[in-house]
PDB file of N, CA and C in Angstrom:
ATOM      1  N   MET A   1       9.672  -0.929 -11.075  1.00  0.00           N
ATOM      2  CA  MET A   1      10.903  -0.053 -11.040  1.00  0.00           C
ATOM      3  C   MET A   1      10.218   1.455 -10.835  1.00  0.00           C
ATOM      4  N   GLN A   2      10.524   2.195 -10.090  1.00  0.00           N
ATOM      5  CA  GLN A   2       9.806   3.667  -9.972  1.00  0.00           C
ATOM      6  C   GLN A   2      11.215   4.451 -10.607  1.00  0.00           C
ATOM      7  N   VAL A   3      10.668   5.540 -11.606  1.00  0.00           N
ATOM      8  CA  VAL A   3      12.092   6.209 -11.890  1.00  0.00           C
ATOM      9  C   VAL A   3      11.609   7.632 -11.596  1.00  0.00           C
ATOM     10  N   GLN A   4      12.568   8.599 -11.097  1.00  0.00           N
ATOM     11  CA  GLN A   4      12.295   9.832 -10.411  1.00  0.00           C
ATOM     12  C   GLN A   4      13.740  10.639 -11.452  1.00  0.00           C
ATOM     13  N   PHE A   5      13.024  11.805 -12.265  1.00  0.00           N
ATOM     14  CA  PHE A   5      14.111  12.374 -12.884  1.00  0.00           C
ATOM     15  C   PHE A   5      14.065  14.000 -12.241  1.00  0.00           C
ATOM     16  N   ASN A   6      14.988  14.480 -11.935  1.00  0.00           N
ATOM     17  CA  ASN A   6      15.583  15.777 -11.642  1.00  0.00           C
ATOM     18  C   ASN A   6      16.087  16.533 -12.485  1.00  0.00           C
ATOM     19  N   SER A   7      15.990  17.975 -12.576  1.00  0.00           N
ATOM     20  CA  SER A   7      17.041  18.427 -13.604  1.00  0.00           C
ATOM     21  C   SER A   7      17.004  19.795 -12.650  1.00  0.00           C
ATOM     22  N   ASP A   8      18.021  21.025 -13.382  1.00  0.00           N
ATOM     23  CA  ASP A   8      18.149  22.344 -13.229  1.00  0.00           C
ATOM     24  C   ASP A   8      16.857  22.857 -14.230  1.00  0.00           C
ATOM     25  N   SER A   9      16.968  24.199 -13.998  1.00  0.00           N
ATOM     26  CA  SER A   9      15.980  25.140 -15.035  1.00  0.00           C
ATOM     27  C   SER A   9      16.976  25.290 -16.429  1.00  0.00           C
ATOM     28  N   SER A  10      18.074  25.121 -16.425  1.00  0.00           N
ATOM     29  CA  SER A  10      18.939  25.058 -17.589  1.00  0.00           C
ATOM     30  C   SER A  10      18.723  24.143 -18.763  1.00  0.00           C
ATOM     31  N   VAL A  11      18.718  22.823 -18.360  1.00  0.00           N
ATOM     32  CA  VAL A  11      18.500  21.589 -19.113  1.00  0.00           C
ATOM     33  C   VAL A  11      17.236  21.570 -19.507  1.00  0.00           C
ATOM     34  N   MET A  12      16.204  21.995 -19.212  1.00  0.00           N
ATOM     35  CA  MET A  12      14.460  21.774 -19.724  1.00  0.00           C
ATOM     36  C   MET A  12      14.416  22.549 -20.974  1.00  0.00           C
ATOM     37  N   GLY A  13      15.351  23.091 -21.845  1.00  0.00           N
ATOM     38  CA  GLY A  13      14.971  24.095 -22.691  1.00  0.00           C
ATOM     39  C   GLY A  13      14.673  22.881 -24.093  1.00  0.00           C
ATOM     40  N   THR A  14      15.201  21.842 -24.279  1.00  0.00           N
ATOM     41  CA  THR A  14      15.078  21.064 -25.369  1.00  0.00           C
ATOM     42  C   THR A  14      13.431  20.090 -25.239  1.00  0.00           C
ATOM     43  N   ALA A  15      12.917  20.064 -26.193  1.00  0.00           N
ATOM     44  CA  ALA A  15      11.345  19.280 -26.145  1.00  0.00           C
ATOM     45  C   ALA A  15      11.500  17.985 -25.560  1.00  0.00           C
ATOM     46  N   ASN A  16      10.733  17.850 -24.485  1.00  0.00           N
ATOM     47  CA  ASN A  16      10.719  16.179 -24.074  1.00  0.00           C
ATOM     48  C   ASN A  16      11.885  15.564 -23.412  1.00  0.00           C
ATOM     49  N   VAL A  17      13.032  16.318 -22.900  1.00  0.00           N
ATOM     50  CA  VAL A  17      14.279  15.792 -22.616  1.00  0.00           C
ATOM     51  C   VAL A  17      14.081  15.193 -21.459  1.00  0.00           C
ATOM     52  N   ALA A  18      13.037  15.155 -20.412  1.00  0.00           N
ATOM     53  CA  ALA A  18      13.081  14.282 -18.986  1.00  0.00           C
ATOM     54  C   ALA A  18      12.066  12.873 -19.947  1.00  0.00           C
ATOM     55  N   GLU A  19      11.184  12.652 -20.744  1.00  0.00           N
ATOM     56  CA  GLU A  19      10.624  11.612 -21.259  1.00  0.00           C
ATOM     57  C   GLU A  19      11.747  10.846 -22.085  1.00  0.00           C
ATOM     58  N   ARG A  20      12.582  11.712 -22.876  1.00  0.00           N
ATOM     59  CA  ARG A  20      13.799  10.957 -23.771  1.00  0.00           C
ATOM     60  C   ARG A  20      14.789  10.319 -23.008  1.00  0.00           C
ATOM     61  N   ILE A  21      14.999  10.789 -21.979  1.00  0.00           N
ATOM     62  CA  ILE A  21      16.225  10.416 -20.877  1.00  0.00           C
ATOM     63  C   ILE A  21      15.430   9.419 -19.960  1.00  0.00           C
ATOM     64  N   GLU A  22      14.402   9.479 -19.702  1.00  0.00           N
ATOM     65  CA  GLU A  22      13.918   8.287 -18.842  1.00  0.00           C
ATOM     66  C   GLU A  22      13.782   6.851 -19.597  1.00  0.00           C
ATOM     67  N   ALA A  23      12.981   7.158 -20.754  1.00  0.00           N
ATOM     68  CA  ALA A  23      12.812   6.063 -21.721  1.00  0.00           C
ATOM     69  C   ALA A  23      14.060   5.374 -22.157  1.00  0.00           C
ATOM     70  N   MET A  24      15.173   6.052 -22.266  1.00  0.00           N
ATOM     71  CA  MET A  24      16.532   5.645 -22.565  1.00  0.00           C
ATOM     72  C   MET A  24      17.169   4.755 -21.467  1.00  0.00           C
ATOM     73  N   VAL A  25      17.135   5.209 -20.236  1.00  0.00           N
ATOM     74  CA  VAL A  25      17.472   4.790 -19.322  1.00  0.00           C
ATOM     75  C   VAL A  25      16.715   3.587 -18.701  1.00  0.00           C
ATOM     76  N   ARG A  26      15.333   3.406 -19.067  1.00  0.00           N
ATOM     77  CA  ARG A  26      14.615   2.137 -18.717  1.00  0.00           C
ATOM     78  C   ARG A  26      14.788   1.121 -19.393  1.00  0.00           C
ATOM     79  N   GLU A  27      15.186   1.740 -20.746  1.00  0.00           N
ATOM     80  CA  GLU A  27      15.496   0.306 -21.871  1.00  0.00           C
ATOM     81  C   GLU A  27      17.008   0.054 -21.403  1.00  0.00           C
ATOM     82  N   LYS A  28      17.963   1.046 -20.853  1.00  0.00           N
ATOM     83  CA  LYS A  28      19.236   0.237 -20.695  1.00  0.00           C
ATOM     84  C   LYS A  28      19.348  -0.667 -19.493  1.00  0.00           C
ATOM     85  N   LEU A  29      18.373  -0.115 -18.422  1.00  0.00           N
ATOM     86  CA  LEU A  29      18.319  -1.046 -17.289  1.00  0.00           C
ATOM     87  C   LEU A  29      17.120  -2.249 -17.142  1.00  0.00           C
ATOM     88  N   ALA A  30      16.307  -2.508 -18.493  1.00  0.00           N
ATOM     89  CA  ALA A  30      15.185  -2.883 -18.641  1.00  0.00           C
ATOM     90  C   ALA A  30      15.696  -4.483 -17.859  1.00  0.00           C
ATOM     91  N   ARG A  31      16.859  -5.515 -18.178  1.00  0.00           N
ATOM     92  CA  ARG A  31      16.898  -6.409 -17.620  1.00  0.00           C
ATOM     93  C   ARG A  31      17.042  -6.566 -15.997  1.00  0.00           C
ATOM     94  N   PHE A  32      17.612  -5.608 -15.319  1.00  0.00           N
ATOM     95  CA  PHE A  32      17.505  -5.582 -14.102  1.00  0.00           C
ATOM     96  C   PHE A  32      16.148  -5.000 -13.290  1.00  0.00           C
ATOM     97  N   GLU A  33      15.256  -4.803 -13.770  1.00  0.00           N
ATOM     98  CA  GLU A  33      13.854  -4.284 -13.482  1.00  0.00           C
ATOM     99  C   GLU A  33      13.570  -4.541 -11.994  1.00  0.00           C
ATOM    100  N   SER A  34      13.665  -6.125 -12.349  1.00  0.00           N
ATOM    101  CA  SER A  34      12.939  -6.713 -11.040  1.00  0.00           C
ATOM    102  C   SER A  34      13.647  -6.680  -9.940  1.00  0.00           C
ATOM    103  N   LYS A  35      15.096  -6.413  -9.932  1.00  0.00           N
ATOM    104  CA  LYS A  35      15.835  -6.253  -8.966  1.00  0.00           C
ATOM    105  C   LYS A  35      16.147  -5.162  -8.062  1.00  0.00           C
ATOM    106  N   LEU A  36      15.451  -3.966  -9.152  1.00  0.00           N
ATOM    107  CA  LEU A  36      15.640  -2.247  -8.570  1.00  0.00           C
ATOM    108  C   LEU A  36      14.170  -1.935  -7.995  1.00  0.00           C
ATOM    109  N   THR A  37      14.281  -1.590  -7.107  1.00  0.00           N
ATOM    110  CA  THR A  37      13.113  -0.734  -6.104  1.00  0.00           C
ATOM    111  C   THR A  37      12.913   0.534  -7.225  1.00  0.00           C
ATOM    112  N   ARG A  38      13.988   1.347  -7.247  1.00  0.00           N
ATOM    113  CA  ARG A  38      14.224   3.021  -7.315  1.00  0.00           C
ATOM    114  C   ARG A  38      15.359   2.990  -8.188  1.00  0.00           C
ATOM    115  N   VAL A  39      14.933   4.242  -9.325  1.00  0.00           N
ATOM    116  CA  VAL A  39      16.016   4.815 -10.045  1.00  0.00           C
ATOM    117  C   VAL A  39      16.073   6.046  -9.865  1.00  0.00           C
ATOM    118  N   GLU A  40      16.930   7.080  -9.741  1.00  0.00           N
ATOM    119  CA  GLU A  40      16.994   8.622  -9.731  1.00  0.00           C
ATOM    120  C   GLU A  40      17.803   8.870 -10.874  1.00  0.00           C
ATOM    121  N   ILE A  41      17.287   9.946 -11.620  1.00  0.00           N
ATOM    122  CA  ILE A  41      18.055  10.700 -12.439  1.00  0.00           C
ATOM    123  C   ILE A  41      18.367  11.962 -12.401  1.00  0.00           C
ATOM    124  N   HIS A  42      19.508  12.617 -12.293  1.00  0.00           N
ATOM    125  CA  HIS A  42      19.693  14.191 -11.951  1.00  0.00           C
ATOM    126  C   HIS A  42      20.636  14.577 -13.274  1.00  0.00           C
ATOM    127  N   VAL A  43      19.872  15.322 -13.908  1.00  0.00           N
ATOM    128  CA  VAL A  43      20.755  16.238 -14.821  1.00  0.00           C
ATOM    129  C   VAL A  43      20.710  17.472 -14.770  1.00  0.00           C
ATOM    130  N   ARG A  44      22.044  18.268 -14.883  1.00  0.00           N
ATOM    131  CA  ARG A  44      22.515  19.726 -14.747  1.00  0.00           C
ATOM    132  C   ARG A  44      23.409  20.181 -15.848  1.00  0.00           C
ATOM    133  N   ASP A  45      23.346  21.432 -15.608  1.00  0.00           N
ATOM    134  CA  ASP A  45      24.350  22.124 -16.680  1.00  0.00           C
ATOM    135  C   ASP A  45      25.035  22.621 -15.499  1.00  0.00           C
ATOM    136  N   GLU A  46      26.321  22.224 -15.805  1.00  0.00           N
ATOM    137  CA  GLU A  46      27.543  22.579 -14.865  1.00  0.00           C
ATOM    138  C   GLU A  46      28.043  24.108 -14.732  1.00  0.00           C
ATOM    139  N   ASN A  47      27.634  24.498 -15.874  1.00  0.00           N
ATOM    140  CA  ASN A  47      28.180  26.077 -16.169  1.00  0.00           C
ATOM    141  C   ASN A  47      26.797  27.240 -16.346  1.00  0.00           C
ATOM    142  N   GLY A  48      25.617  26.928 -16.280  1.00  0.00           N
ATOM    143  CA  GLY A  48      24.249  27.760 -16.455  1.00  0.00           C
ATOM    144  C   GLY A  48      24.580  27.941 -17.866  1.00  0.00           C
ATOM    145  N   SER A  49      24.441  29.162 -18.349  1.00  0.00           N
ATOM    146  CA  SER A  49      24.021  29.706 -19.832  1.00  0.00           C
ATOM    147  C   SER A  49      25.188  29.917 -20.695  1.00  0.00           C
ATOM    148  N   LYS A  50      26.746  29.739 -19.443  1.00  0.00           N
ATOM    149  CA  LYS A  50      27.554  29.443 -20.549  1.00  0.00           C
ATOM    150  C   LYS A  50      28.180  28.225 -20.791  1.00  0.00           C
ATOM    151  N   HIS A  51      28.514  28.393 -22.546  1.00  0.00           N
ATOM    152  CA  HIS A  51      28.853  27.291 -22.994  1.00  0.00           C
ATOM    153  C   HIS A  51      30.464  26.491 -22.762  1.00  0.00           C
ATOM    154  N   GLY A  52      30.499  25.242 -22.862  1.00  0.00           N
ATOM    155  CA  GLY A  52      31.531  24.987 -22.466  1.00  0.00           C
ATOM    156  C   GLY A  52      31.471  22.992 -22.856  1.00  0.00           C
ATOM    157  N   ALA A  53      33.065  22.710 -23.234  1.00  0.00           N
ATOM    158  CA  ALA A  53      33.018  21.361 -23.523  1.00  0.00           C
ATOM    159  C   ALA A  53      32.957  20.287 -21.893  1.00  0.00           C
ATOM    160  N   ASP A  54      31.870  19.311 -22.392  1.00  0.00           N
ATOM    161  CA  ASP A  54      31.343  18.616 -21.526  1.00  0.00           C
ATOM    162  C   ASP A  54      30.843  19.162 -19.959  1.00  0.00           C
ATOM    163  N   ASP A  55      30.298  20.213 -20.520  1.00  0.00           N
ATOM    164  CA  ASP A  55      29.444  21.265 -19.066  1.00  0.00           C
ATOM    165  C   ASP A  55      27.917  20.361 -18.748  1.00  0.00           C
ATOM    166  N   LYS A  56      27.760  19.428 -19.570  1.00  0.00           N
ATOM    167  CA  LYS A  56      26.363  18.794 -19.120  1.00  0.00           C
ATOM    168  C   LYS A  56      26.605  17.592 -18.085  1.00  0.00           C
ATOM    169  N   SER A  57      25.677  17.380 -17.203  1.00  0.00           N
ATOM    170  CA  SER A  57      26.507  16.350 -16.161  1.00  0.00           C
ATOM    171  C   SER A  57      24.874  15.285 -15.804  1.00  0.00           C
ATOM    172  N   CYS A  58      25.071  14.068 -15.805  1.00  0.00           N
ATOM    173  CA  CYS A  58      23.966  13.131 -15.426  1.00  0.00           C
ATOM    174  C   CYS A  58      24.616  11.924 -14.540  1.00  0.00           C
ATOM    175  N   THR A  59      23.964  12.019 -13.344  1.00  0.00           N
ATOM    176  CA  THR A  59      23.973  11.186 -11.965  1.00  0.00           C
ATOM    177  C   THR A  59      22.805  10.355 -12.082  1.00  0.00           C
ATOM    178  N   ILE A  60      23.266   8.799 -12.248  1.00  0.00           N
ATOM    179  CA  ILE A  60      21.986   8.209 -12.166  1.00  0.00           C
ATOM    180  C   ILE A  60      22.369   7.261 -10.693  1.00  0.00           C
ATOM    181  N   GLU A  61      21.204   7.018  -9.774  1.00  0.00           N
ATOM    182  CA  GLU A  61      21.622   6.171  -9.171  1.00  0.00           C
ATOM    183  C   GLU A  61      20.410   5.096  -8.586  1.00  0.00           C
ATOM    184  N   ALA A  62      20.809   3.690  -8.514  1.00  0.00           N
ATOM    185  CA  ALA A  62      19.903   2.756  -8.682  1.00  0.00           C
ATOM    186  C   ALA A  62      19.838   2.072  -7.269  1.00  0.00           C
ATOM    187  N   ARG A  63      18.594   1.935  -6.746  1.00  0.00           N
ATOM    188  CA  ARG A  63      18.754   1.256  -5.504  1.00  0.00           C
ATOM    189  C   ARG A  63      17.951  -0.530  -5.626  1.00  0.00           C
ATOM    190  N   PRO A  64      19.174  -1.222  -5.406  1.00  0.00           N
ATOM    191  CA  PRO A  64      18.487  -2.761  -5.619  1.00  0.00           C
ATOM    192  C   PRO A  64      18.008  -2.944  -4.426  1.00  0.00           C
ATOM    193  N   ALA A  65      17.069  -4.070  -4.242  1.00  0.00           N
ATOM    194  CA  ALA A  65      15.887  -4.505  -3.583  1.00  0.00           C
ATOM    195  C   ALA A  65      17.087  -4.983  -2.566  1.00  0.00           C
ATOM    196  N   GLY A  66      16.863  -4.700  -0.941  1.00  0.00           N
ATOM    197  CA  GLY A  66      17.794  -5.036  -0.170  1.00  0.00           C
ATOM    198  C   GLY A  66      19.212  -4.779   0.153  1.00  0.00           C
ATOM    199  N   GLY A  67      19.586  -4.074  -0.943  1.00  0.00           N
ATOM    200  CA  GLY A  67      21.064  -3.982  -1.114  1.00  0.00           C
ATOM    201  C   GLY A  67      21.345  -2.297  -1.056  1.00  0.00           C
ATOM    202  N   ARG A  68      22.763  -1.840  -1.201  1.00  0.00           N
ATOM    203  CA  ARG A  68      23.160  -0.375  -1.384  1.00  0.00           C
ATOM    204  C   ARG A  68      22.947   0.294  -2.515  1.00  0.00           C
ATOM    205  N   ALA A  69      22.710   1.625  -2.826  1.00  0.00           N
ATOM    206  CA  ALA A  69      22.591   2.380  -3.951  1.00  0.00           C
ATOM    207  C   ALA A  69      23.684   2.494  -4.168  1.00  0.00           C
ATOM    208  N   ILE A  70      23.660   2.269  -5.975  1.00  0.00           N
ATOM    209  CA  ILE A  70      24.546   2.127  -6.760  1.00  0.00           C
ATOM    210  C   ILE A  70      24.572   3.894  -7.628  1.00  0.00           C
ATOM    211  N   GLY A  71      25.507   4.436  -7.540  1.00  0.00           N
ATOM    212  CA  GLY A  71      25.383   5.610  -8.288  1.00  0.00           C
ATOM    213  C   GLY A  71      26.696   5.776  -9.595  1.00  0.00           C
ATOM    214  N   VAL A  72      26.394   6.152 -10.608  1.00  0.00           N
ATOM    215  CA  VAL A  72      27.475   6.783 -11.381  1.00  0.00           C
ATOM    216  C   VAL A  72      26.894   8.413 -12.070  1.00  0.00           C
ATOM    217  N   THR A  73      28.072   8.969 -12.368  1.00  0.00           N
ATOM    218  CA  THR A  73      27.864  10.654 -12.686  1.00  0.00           C
ATOM    219  C   THR A  73      29.077  10.810 -14.069  1.00  0.00           C
ATOM    220  N   GLU A  74      28.421  10.913 -15.323  1.00  0.00           N
ATOM    221  CA  GLU A  74      29.145  11.006 -16.371  1.00  0.00           C
ATOM    222  C   GLU A  74      28.948  12.694 -16.767  1.00  0.00           C
ATOM    223  N   LYS A  75      29.962  12.925 -17.723  1.00  0.00           N
ATOM    224  CA  LYS A  75      29.913  14.071 -18.364  1.00  0.00           C
ATOM    225  C   LYS A  75      29.945  14.312 -19.662  1.00  0.00           C
ATOM    226  N   SER A  76      29.235  15.230 -20.765  1.00  0.00           N
ATOM    227  CA  SER A  76      29.512  15.174 -22.176  1.00  0.00           C
ATOM    228  C   SER A  76      28.916  16.864 -22.229  1.00  0.00           C
ATOM    229  N   ASP A  77      28.573  16.933 -24.047  1.00  0.00           N
ATOM    230  CA  ASP A  77      28.655  18.037 -24.372  1.00  0.00           C
ATOM    231  C   ASP A  77      27.147  18.089 -24.583  1.00  0.00           C
ATOM    232  N   THR A  78      26.396  17.184 -24.241  1.00  0.00           N
ATOM    233  CA  THR A  78      24.870  17.218 -24.327  1.00  0.00           C
ATOM    234  C   THR A  78      24.192  16.463 -23.349  1.00  0.00           C
ATOM    235  N   VAL A  79      22.864  16.605 -22.872  1.00  0.00           N
ATOM    236  CA  VAL A  79      22.179  16.127 -21.853  1.00  0.00           C
ATOM    237  C   VAL A  79      22.304  14.438 -22.125  1.00  0.00           C
ATOM    238  N   ASP A  80      21.803  14.605 -23.451  1.00  0.00           N
ATOM    239  CA  ASP A  80      21.464  13.135 -23.781  1.00  0.00           C
ATOM    240  C   ASP A  80      22.698  12.314 -23.843  1.00  0.00           C
ATOM    241  N   ALA A  81      23.921  12.577 -23.994  1.00  0.00           N
ATOM    242  CA  ALA A  81      25.218  12.210 -24.079  1.00  0.00           C
ATOM    243  C   ALA A  81      25.693  11.743 -22.776  1.00  0.00           C
ATOM    244  N   ALA A  82      25.475  12.703 -22.252  1.00  0.00           N
ATOM    245  CA  ALA A  82      25.772  12.133 -20.553  1.00  0.00           C
ATOM    246  C   ALA A  82      24.996  11.088 -19.955  1.00  0.00           C
ATOM    247  N   ALA A  83      23.922  11.404 -20.297  1.00  0.00           N
ATOM    248  CA  ALA A  83      22.590  10.238 -19.843  1.00  0.00           C
ATOM    249  C   ALA A  83      23.025   9.053 -20.173  1.00  0.00           C
ATOM    250  N   ARG A  84      23.280   8.635 -21.553  1.00  0.00           N
ATOM    251  CA  ARG A  84      23.438   7.313 -22.294  1.00  0.00           C
ATOM    252  C   ARG A  84      24.607   7.110 -21.828  1.00  0.00           C
ATOM    253  N   LYS A  85      26.110   7.751 -21.576  1.00  0.00           N
ATOM    254  CA  LYS A  85      27.201   7.248 -21.010  1.00  0.00           C
ATOM    255  C   LYS A  85      26.551   6.709 -19.603  1.00  0.00           C
ATOM    256  N   ALA A  86      25.937   7.391 -18.778  1.00  0.00           N
ATOM    257  CA  ALA A  86      25.856   6.918 -17.202  1.00  0.00           C
ATOM    258  C   ALA A  86      25.069   5.880 -17.229  1.00  0.00           C
ATOM    259  N   ALA A  87      24.238   5.605 -18.270  1.00  0.00           N
ATOM    260  CA  ALA A  87      23.373   4.639 -18.383  1.00  0.00           C
ATOM    261  C   ALA A  87      23.962   3.618 -18.471  1.00  0.00           C
ATOM    262  N   ASN A  88      24.912   3.389 -19.326  1.00  0.00           N
ATOM    263  CA  ASN A  88      25.684   2.433 -19.926  1.00  0.00           C
ATOM    264  C   ASN A  88      26.818   2.075 -18.988  1.00  0.00           C
ATOM    265  N   THR A  89      27.327   3.136 -18.037  1.00  0.00           N
ATOM    266  CA  THR A  89      28.228   2.654 -16.770  1.00  0.00           C
ATOM    267  C   THR A  89      27.562   2.017 -15.665  1.00  0.00           C
ATOM    268  N   LEU A  90      26.193   2.408 -15.467  1.00  0.00           N
ATOM    269  CA  LEU A  90      25.533   1.748 -14.559  1.00  0.00           C
ATOM    270  C   LEU A  90      25.090   0.489 -14.954  1.00  0.00           C
ATOM    271  N   ALA A  91      24.773   0.094 -15.972  1.00  0.00           N
ATOM    272  CA  ALA A  91      24.270  -1.269 -16.164  1.00  0.00           C
ATOM    273  C   ALA A  91      25.565  -2.298 -16.068  1.00  0.00           C
ATOM    274  N   GLN A  92      26.850  -1.388 -16.440  1.00  0.00           N
ATOM    275  CA  GLN A  92      27.778  -2.557 -16.139  1.00  0.00           C
ATOM    276  C   GLN A  92      28.109  -2.437 -14.595  1.00  0.00           C
ATOM    277  N   ARG A  93      27.772  -1.810 -14.023  1.00  0.00           N
ATOM    278  CA  ARG A  93      28.190  -1.980 -12.762  1.00  0.00           C
ATOM    279  C   ARG A  93      27.325  -2.528 -11.898  1.00  0.00           C
ATOM    280  N   LEU A  94      25.872  -2.303 -12.338  1.00  0.00           N
ATOM    281  CA  LEU A  94      24.743  -3.438 -11.592  1.00  0.00           C
ATOM    282  C   LEU A  94      24.957  -4.770 -11.982  1.00  0.00           C
ATOM    283  N   GLN A  95      25.448  -5.095 -13.509  1.00  0.00           N
ATOM    284  CA  GLN A  95      26.096  -6.575 -13.543  1.00  0.00           C
ATOM    285  C   GLN A  95      26.843  -7.038 -12.755  1.00  0.00           C
ATOM    286  N   LYS A  96      27.893  -6.271 -12.517  1.00  0.00           N
ATOM    287  CA  LYS A  96      29.259  -6.845 -11.712  1.00  0.00           C
ATOM    288  C   LYS A  96      28.656  -6.910 -10.256  1.00  0.00           C
ATOM    289  N   VAL A  97      27.922  -6.166  -9.147  1.00  0.00           N
ATOM    290  CA  VAL A  97      27.778  -6.137  -8.303  1.00  0.00           C
ATOM    291  C   VAL A  97      26.567  -7.510  -7.935  1.00  0.00           C
ATOM    292  N   LEU A  98      25.377  -7.420  -9.102  1.00  0.00           N
ATOM    293  CA  LEU A  98      24.225  -8.435  -8.914  1.00  0.00           C
ATOM    294  C   LEU A  98      24.929 -10.091  -9.307  1.00  0.00           C
ATOM    295  N   ASP A  99      25.773  -9.855 -10.250  1.00  0.00           N
ATOM    296  CA  ASP A  99      26.432 -11.427 -10.208  1.00  0.00           C
ATOM    297  C   ASP A  99      27.094 -11.828  -9.153  1.00  0.00           C
ATOM    298  N   LYS A 100      28.066 -10.828  -8.328  1.00  0.00           N
ATOM    299  CA  LYS A 100      28.400 -10.673  -6.932  1.00  0.00           C
ATOM    300  C   LYS A 100      27.645 -11.197  -6.206  1.00  0.00           C
ATOM    301  N   SER A 101      26.759 -10.424  -5.735  1.00  0.00           N
ATOM    302  CA  SER A 101      25.484 -11.076  -4.906  1.00  0.00           C
ATOM    303  C   SER A 101      25.153 -12.721  -5.167  1.00  0.00           C
ATOM    304  N   HIS A 102      24.581 -12.673  -6.306  1.00  0.00           N
ATOM    305  CA  HIS A 102      24.055 -14.043  -6.803  1.00  0.00           C
ATOM    306  C   HIS A 102      25.195 -15.349  -6.354  1.00  0.00           C
ATOM    307  N   ARG A 103      25.966 -14.870  -6.901  1.00  0.00           N
ATOM    308  CA  ARG A 103      27.309 -16.282  -6.750  1.00  0.00           C
ATOM    309  C   ARG A 103      27.313 -16.592  -4.866  1.00  0.00           C
ATOM    310  N   HIS A 104      27.005 -15.061  -4.217  1.00  0.00           N
ATOM    311  CA  HIS A 104      27.094 -15.718  -2.693  1.00  0.00           C
ATOM    312  C   HIS A 104      25.715 -16.025  -2.252  1.00  0.00           C
ATOM    313  N   ASP A 105      24.855 -16.083  -2.874  1.00  0.00           N
ATOM    314  CA  ASP A 105      23.327 -16.697  -2.399  1.00  0.00           C
ATOM    315  C   ASP A 105      23.232 -18.212  -2.880  1.00  0.00           C
ATOM    316  N   HIS A 106      23.560 -19.043  -2.148  1.00  0.00           N
ATOM    317  CA  HIS A 106      23.563 -20.232  -2.448  1.00  0.00           C
ATOM    318  C   HIS A 106      22.901 -20.859  -1.220  1.00  0.00           C
ATOM    319  N   ASP A 107      22.208 -22.086  -1.523  1.00  0.00           N
ATOM    320  CA  ASP A 107      21.478 -23.057  -0.538  1.00  0.00           C
ATOM    321  C   ASP A 107      22.665 -23.234   0.578  1.00  0.00           C
ATOM    322  N   GLN A 108      22.195 -23.514   1.844  1.00  0.00           N
ATOM    323  CA  GLN A 108      23.264 -24.084   3.195  1.00  0.00           C
ATOM    324  C   GLN A 108      23.317 -25.311   2.837  1.00  0.00           C
ATOM    325  N   ARG A 109      24.460 -26.288   2.964  1.00  0.00           N
ATOM    326  CA  ARG A 109      24.308 -27.307   3.074  1.00  0.00           C
ATOM    327  C   ARG A 109      23.592 -28.229   3.666  1.00  0.00           C
ATOM    328  N   PRO A 110      22.943 -29.190   2.830  1.00  0.00           N
ATOM    329  CA  PRO A 110      22.165 -30.256   3.182  1.00  0.00           C
ATOM    330  C   PRO A 110      22.423 -30.766   4.497  1.00  0.00           C
ATOM    331  N   GLU A 111      21.500 -31.093   5.199  1.00  0.00           N
ATOM    332  CA  GLU A 111      21.796 -32.151   6.501  1.00  0.00           C
ATOM    333  C   GLU A 111      22.326 -33.461   5.825  1.00  0.00           C
ATOM    334  N   LYS A 112      23.499 -33.749   6.826  1.00  0.00           N
ATOM    335  CA  LYS A 112      23.925 -35.009   6.511  1.00  0.00           C
ATOM    336  C   LYS A 112      23.296 -36.385   6.986  1.00  0.00           C
ATOM    337  N   ALA A 113      23.200 -37.269   6.473  1.00  0.00           N
ATOM    338  CA  ALA A 113      22.058 -38.451   6.741  1.00  0.00           C
ATOM    339  C   ALA A 113      23.421 -39.588   7.218  1.00  0.00           C
ATOM    340  N   LEU A 114      22.895 -39.853   8.757  1.00  0.00           N
ATOM    341  CA  LEU A 114      23.823 -40.822   9.208  1.00  0.00           C
ATOM    342  C   LEU A 114      23.458 -42.241   9.363  1.00  0.00           C
TER     343      LEU A 114
END
């Protein structure tokens, strides 16, 4: 699973933010690793240098092998909290989507013997 991290310049103020968030997202999505080809993480500060409630945003997009991309966006007052919420939400959605596709992946009926 390839992980790509993107951010705006105002978010990168804290030490190791990219490494920290990537490690946390990898941990939350570890059980889906064999089924995902790529995960993209986008973090940004909605209002730049101004402070405000829930102004940090994290969007995570996962691409299952052979399937459509699944994306979520969460907001919080810190980038880490927004990323944690987004990773949790994405894990729940992936579980639902992959379970549903697994239920429909069954062997065709065997040939009837006459």
